[in-house]
Structure formats: structure tokens, C-alpha cells
C-alpha atoms as a PDB file:
ATOM      1  CA  MET A   1     -75.310 119.007 192.661  1.00  0.00           C
ATOM      2  CA  ILE A   2     -75.753 117.713 189.110  1.00  0.00           C
ATOM      3  CA  PHE A   3     -74.239 114.362 190.002  1.00  0.00           C
ATOM      4  CA  SER A   4     -76.694 113.937 192.876  1.00  0.00           C
ATOM      5  CA  MET A   5     -79.387 113.710 190.206  1.00  0.00           C
ATOM      6  CA  GLN A   6     -78.005 110.228 189.512  1.00  0.00           C
ATOM      7  CA  ILE A   7     -79.340 109.071 192.877  1.00  0.00           C
ATOM      8  CA  GLY A   8     -82.782 110.496 192.181  1.00  0.00           C
ATOM      9  CA  PHE A   9     -82.897 108.990 188.704  1.00  0.00           C
ATOM     10  CA  SER A  10     -81.841 105.627 190.117  1.00  0.00           C
ATOM     11  CA  MET A  11     -84.604 105.746 192.716  1.00  0.00           C
ATOM     12  CA  PHE A  12     -87.109 106.708 190.022  1.00  0.00           C
ATOM     13  CA  GLU A  13     -86.058 103.805 187.818  1.00  0.00           C
ATOM     14  CA  VAL A  14     -86.163 101.341 190.710  1.00  0.00           C
ATOM     15  CA  GLY A  15     -89.673 102.527 191.512  1.00  0.00           C
ATOM     16  CA  CYS A  16     -90.789 101.909 187.937  1.00  0.00           C
ATOM     17  CA  VAL A  17     -89.622  98.299 187.657  1.00  0.00           C
ATOM     18  CA  GLN A  18     -90.577  95.087 189.372  1.00  0.00           C
ATOM     19  CA  ALA A  19     -88.650  94.114 192.501  1.00  0.00           C
ATOM     20  CA  LYS A  20     -86.809  91.373 190.615  1.00  0.00           C
ATOM     21  CA  SER A  21     -85.286  93.969 188.245  1.00  0.00           C
ATOM     22  CA  THR A  22     -83.966  96.309 190.938  1.00  0.00           C
ATOM     23  CA  LYS A  23     -80.424  94.918 190.887  1.00  0.00           C
ATOM     24  CA  ASN A  24     -80.259  95.156 187.101  1.00  0.00           C
ATOM     25  CA  VAL A  25     -81.297  98.815 187.125  1.00  0.00           C
ATOM     26  CA  LEU A  26     -78.814  99.745 189.847  1.00  0.00           C
ATOM     27  CA  ILE A  27     -75.956  97.903 188.140  1.00  0.00           C
ATOM     28  CA  LYS A  28     -76.819  99.574 184.826  1.00  0.00           C
ATOM     29  CA  ASN A  29     -76.751 102.995 186.491  1.00  0.00           C
ATOM     30  CA  ALA A  30     -73.397 102.229 188.130  1.00  0.00           C
ATOM     31  CA  LEU A  31     -72.083 101.130 184.730  1.00  0.00           C
ATOM     32  CA  ASP A  32     -73.391 104.379 183.243  1.00  0.00           C
ATOM     33  CA  VAL A  33     -71.190 106.328 185.636  1.00  0.00           C
ATOM     34  CA  CYS A  34     -68.132 104.187 184.892  1.00  0.00           C
ATOM     35  CA  ILE A  35     -68.572 104.113 181.126  1.00  0.00           C
ATOM     36  CA  THR A  36     -69.290 107.827 180.839  1.00  0.00           C
ATOM     37  CA  SER A  37     -66.143 108.674 182.776  1.00  0.00           C
ATOM     38  CA  VAL A  38     -64.053 106.569 180.400  1.00  0.00           C
ATOM     39  CA  CYS A  39     -65.804 107.960 177.296  1.00  0.00           C
ATOM     40  CA  TRP A  40     -65.496 111.556 178.448  1.00  0.00           C
ATOM     41  CA  ALA A  41     -61.819 111.118 179.374  1.00  0.00           C
ATOM     42  CA  THR A  42     -60.834 109.369 176.168  1.00  0.00           C
ATOM     43  CA  VAL A  43     -62.842 111.044 173.415  1.00  0.00           C
ATOM     44  CA  GLY A  44     -65.470 113.505 174.601  1.00  0.00           C
ATOM     45  CA  HIS A  45     -63.250 116.022 176.335  1.00  0.00           C
ATOM     46  CA  GLY A  46     -60.843 116.147 173.402  1.00  0.00           C
ATOM     47  CA  LEU A  47     -63.689 116.778 170.983  1.00  0.00           C
ATOM     48  CA  ALA A  48     -65.263 119.458 173.143  1.00  0.00           C
ATOM     49  CA  TYR A  49     -62.188 121.317 174.363  1.00  0.00           C
ATOM     50  CA  GLY A  50     -59.230 120.171 172.277  1.00  0.00           C
ATOM     51  CA  ARG A  51     -57.113 122.935 170.811  1.00  0.00           C
ATOM     52  CA  SER A  52     -56.587 123.129 167.104  1.00  0.00           C
ATOM     53  CA  SER A  53     -54.175 125.306 165.177  1.00  0.00           C
ATOM     54  CA  SER A  54     -56.502 125.412 162.175  1.00  0.00           C
ATOM     55  CA  GLY A  55     -59.570 126.446 164.161  1.00  0.00           C
ATOM     56  CA  VAL A  56     -61.434 123.238 163.389  1.00  0.00           C
ATOM     57  CA  PHE A  57     -63.774 121.967 166.063  1.00  0.00           C
ATOM     58  CA  GLY A  58     -62.423 119.164 168.171  1.00  0.00           C
ATOM     59  CA  GLY A  59     -58.738 119.970 168.152  1.00  0.00           C
ATOM     60  CA  THR A  60     -55.833 117.614 168.107  1.00  0.00           C
ATOM     61  CA  ASN A  61     -55.100 117.270 171.815  1.00  0.00           C
ATOM     62  CA  GLY A  62     -57.020 116.189 174.870  1.00  0.00           C
ATOM     63  CA  TYR A  63     -57.863 112.729 173.586  1.00  0.00           C
ATOM     64  CA  PHE A  64     -57.092 109.705 175.732  1.00  0.00           C
ATOM     65  CA  VAL A  65     -56.020 111.940 178.613  1.00  0.00           C
ATOM     66  CA  GLY A  66     -53.195 113.401 176.512  1.00  0.00           C
ATOM     67  CA  GLY A  67     -52.180 117.031 176.775  1.00  0.00           C
ATOM     68  CA  TRP A  68     -54.021 117.646 180.011  1.00  0.00           C
ATOM     69  CA  SER A  69     -52.797 120.382 182.285  1.00  0.00           C
ATOM     70  CA  ALA A  70     -52.611 119.352 185.913  1.00  0.00           C
ATOM     71  CA  THR A  71     -54.327 122.378 187.404  1.00  0.00           C
ATOM     72  CA  ALA A  72     -57.210 122.418 189.838  1.00  0.00           C
ATOM     73  CA  ASP A  73     -59.283 124.547 187.447  1.00  0.00           C
ATOM     74  CA  PHE A  74     -58.846 122.012 184.672  1.00  0.00           C
ATOM     75  CA  TYR A  75     -59.927 119.075 186.809  1.00  0.00           C
ATOM     76  CA  ALA A  76     -62.871 121.032 188.232  1.00  0.00           C
ATOM     77  CA  SER A  77     -64.013 121.866 184.706  1.00  0.00           C
ATOM     78  CA  TRP A  78     -63.531 118.269 183.578  1.00  0.00           C
ATOM     79  CA  LEU A  79     -65.536 116.934 186.522  1.00  0.00           C
ATOM     80  CA  PHE A  80     -68.300 119.514 186.072  1.00  0.00           C
ATOM     81  CA  ASN A  81     -68.767 118.651 182.395  1.00  0.00           C
ATOM     82  CA  TRP A  82     -68.528 114.926 183.074  1.00  0.00           C
ATOM     83  CA  THR A  83     -71.443 115.163 185.510  1.00  0.00           C
ATOM     84  CA  PHE A  84     -73.638 116.492 182.708  1.00  0.00           C
ATOM     85  CA  VAL A  85     -72.569 113.672 180.403  1.00  0.00           C
ATOM     86  CA  SER A  86     -73.197 111.101 183.123  1.00  0.00           C
ATOM     87  CA  THR A  87     -76.627 112.509 183.913  1.00  0.00           C
ATOM     88  CA  ALA A  88     -77.520 112.455 180.209  1.00  0.00           C
ATOM     89  CA  ALA A  89     -76.685 108.741 180.190  1.00  0.00           C
ATOM     90  CA  THR A  90     -79.107 108.113 183.005  1.00  0.00           C
ATOM     91  CA  VAL A  91     -81.854 110.076 181.260  1.00  0.00           C
ATOM     92  CA  VAL A  92     -81.419 107.849 178.213  1.00  0.00           C
ATOM     93  CA  SER A  93     -81.778 104.774 180.409  1.00  0.00           C
ATOM     94  CA  ILE A  94     -84.989 106.171 181.924  1.00  0.00           C
ATOM     95  CA  ILE A  95     -86.440 106.531 178.430  1.00  0.00           C
ATOM     96  CA  ASN A  96     -85.750 102.830 178.007  1.00  0.00           C
ATOM     97  CA  LEU A  97     -88.181 102.087 180.864  1.00  0.00           C
ATOM     98  CA  PHE A  98     -91.146 103.303 178.892  1.00  0.00           C
ATOM     99  CA  GLY A  99     -90.535 101.261 175.756  1.00  0.00           C
ATOM    100  CA  ASP A 100     -92.393  98.097 174.900  1.00  0.00           C
ATOM    101  CA  GLU A 101     -89.355  95.921 175.387  1.00  0.00           C
ATOM    102  CA  PRO A 102     -86.236  96.828 177.370  1.00  0.00           C
ATOM    103  CA  PHE A 103     -82.917  97.121 175.557  1.00  0.00           C
ATOM    104  CA  ARG A 104     -80.322  94.468 175.947  1.00  0.00           C
ATOM    105  CA  LEU A 105     -77.301  95.885 177.712  1.00  0.00           C
ATOM    106  CA  ALA A 106     -74.949  95.578 174.715  1.00  0.00           C
ATOM    107  CA  SER A 107     -77.382  97.292 172.355  1.00  0.00           C
ATOM    108  CA  PHE A 108     -78.072  99.965 174.962  1.00  0.00           C
ATOM    109  CA  TYR A 109     -74.396 100.880 175.244  1.00  0.00           C
ATOM    110  CA  SER A 110     -73.851 100.666 171.491  1.00  0.00           C
ATOM    111  CA  PHE A 111     -76.463 103.420 171.227  1.00  0.00           C
ATOM    112  CA  GLU A 112     -75.455 105.370 174.312  1.00  0.00           C
ATOM    113  CA  ILE A 113     -71.686 105.668 173.851  1.00  0.00           C
ATOM    114  CA  PRO A 114     -71.809 107.558 170.524  1.00  0.00           C
ATOM    115  CA  LEU A 115     -74.642 109.669 171.875  1.00  0.00           C
ATOM    116  CA  LEU A 116     -72.616 110.660 174.927  1.00  0.00           C
ATOM    117  CA  ASN A 117     -69.458 111.376 172.998  1.00  0.00           C
ATOM    118  CA  PHE A 118     -71.129 113.682 170.522  1.00  0.00           C
ATOM    119  CA  CYS A 119     -74.274 115.284 171.978  1.00  0.00           C
ATOM    120  CA  HIS A 120     -72.550 117.053 174.851  1.00  0.00           C
ATOM    121  CA  VAL A 121     -69.715 118.025 172.541  1.00  0.00           C
ATOM    122  CA  VAL A 122     -72.080 119.651 170.052  1.00  0.00           C
ATOM    123  CA  GLY A 123     -73.643 121.544 172.945  1.00  0.00           C
ATOM    124  CA  GLU A 124     -70.211 122.827 173.925  1.00  0.00           C
ATOM    125  CA  TRP A 125     -69.472 123.919 170.358  1.00  0.00           C
ATOM    126  CA  CYS A 126     -72.786 125.783 170.124  1.00  0.00           C
ATOM    127  CA  SER A 127     -72.217 127.612 173.409  1.00  0.00           C
ATOM    128  CA  CYS A 128     -68.807 128.947 172.352  1.00  0.00           C
END
């Protein structure tokens, strides 16, 4: 259900731009999904759920798909949390629509990737 918000956000963004920019918006939203899945799998999940013997946040396993247990519950949890990260990426791109000048794609992702890797993680730490 959360991931279906991506479709609604994409339609909203397409409705806010000129017809000539429609392809750019849709490609950016598809890239958001791809990039967030890589970021969440490599760094974000390890920071949010990694186990640590010293009790420090962001344990020592779970980074770069290491130390994952191959259970259905694990993958369901991973997918559920990834949908929130992915939706957050799209919300950030919607905010870009209302600025004076749109971001360039490289600068957009240089801002978005650290945001995605850490904001959802901090939310997970606070909810524990």
C-alpha cells in the first residue's frame, strides 16, 4: 500500500510540470526507486537494524547485504521499510517542483542519498 503512493506522487508531479518535462519526471521517479533500493540494501538497513555487541546504534552487520537471514519475515520487514524510504525519496523530489529552479539530477541525488540513508534510520532508532 505504501509503495502505491509512488504512482500517485508520480502523477502529481507530472501534472505540475509542462508536457515536455513529463519523461524527465517519470525517469527521475524510476531512478528514485532503484537508487533507494540499493542505498537501503547497502547502508540503510545495516544502520537501522544491524546488531552490535556493544549496544551502539547501527551495529556491525547488515551492511552491503551481509549477515542477512534468509527468512520470509526478514525479507517482508526489509521490503516494508524500503517502501517508506522510497516514498520519502519521492516526497523530496516533489518539494523540488516548488523551488525557483529545479535541481540538476547529480545535485539532487547528492542531497537525497545521505538523507535517505540517515533520516529513516534515525526514525527507527527513536521508535525502539
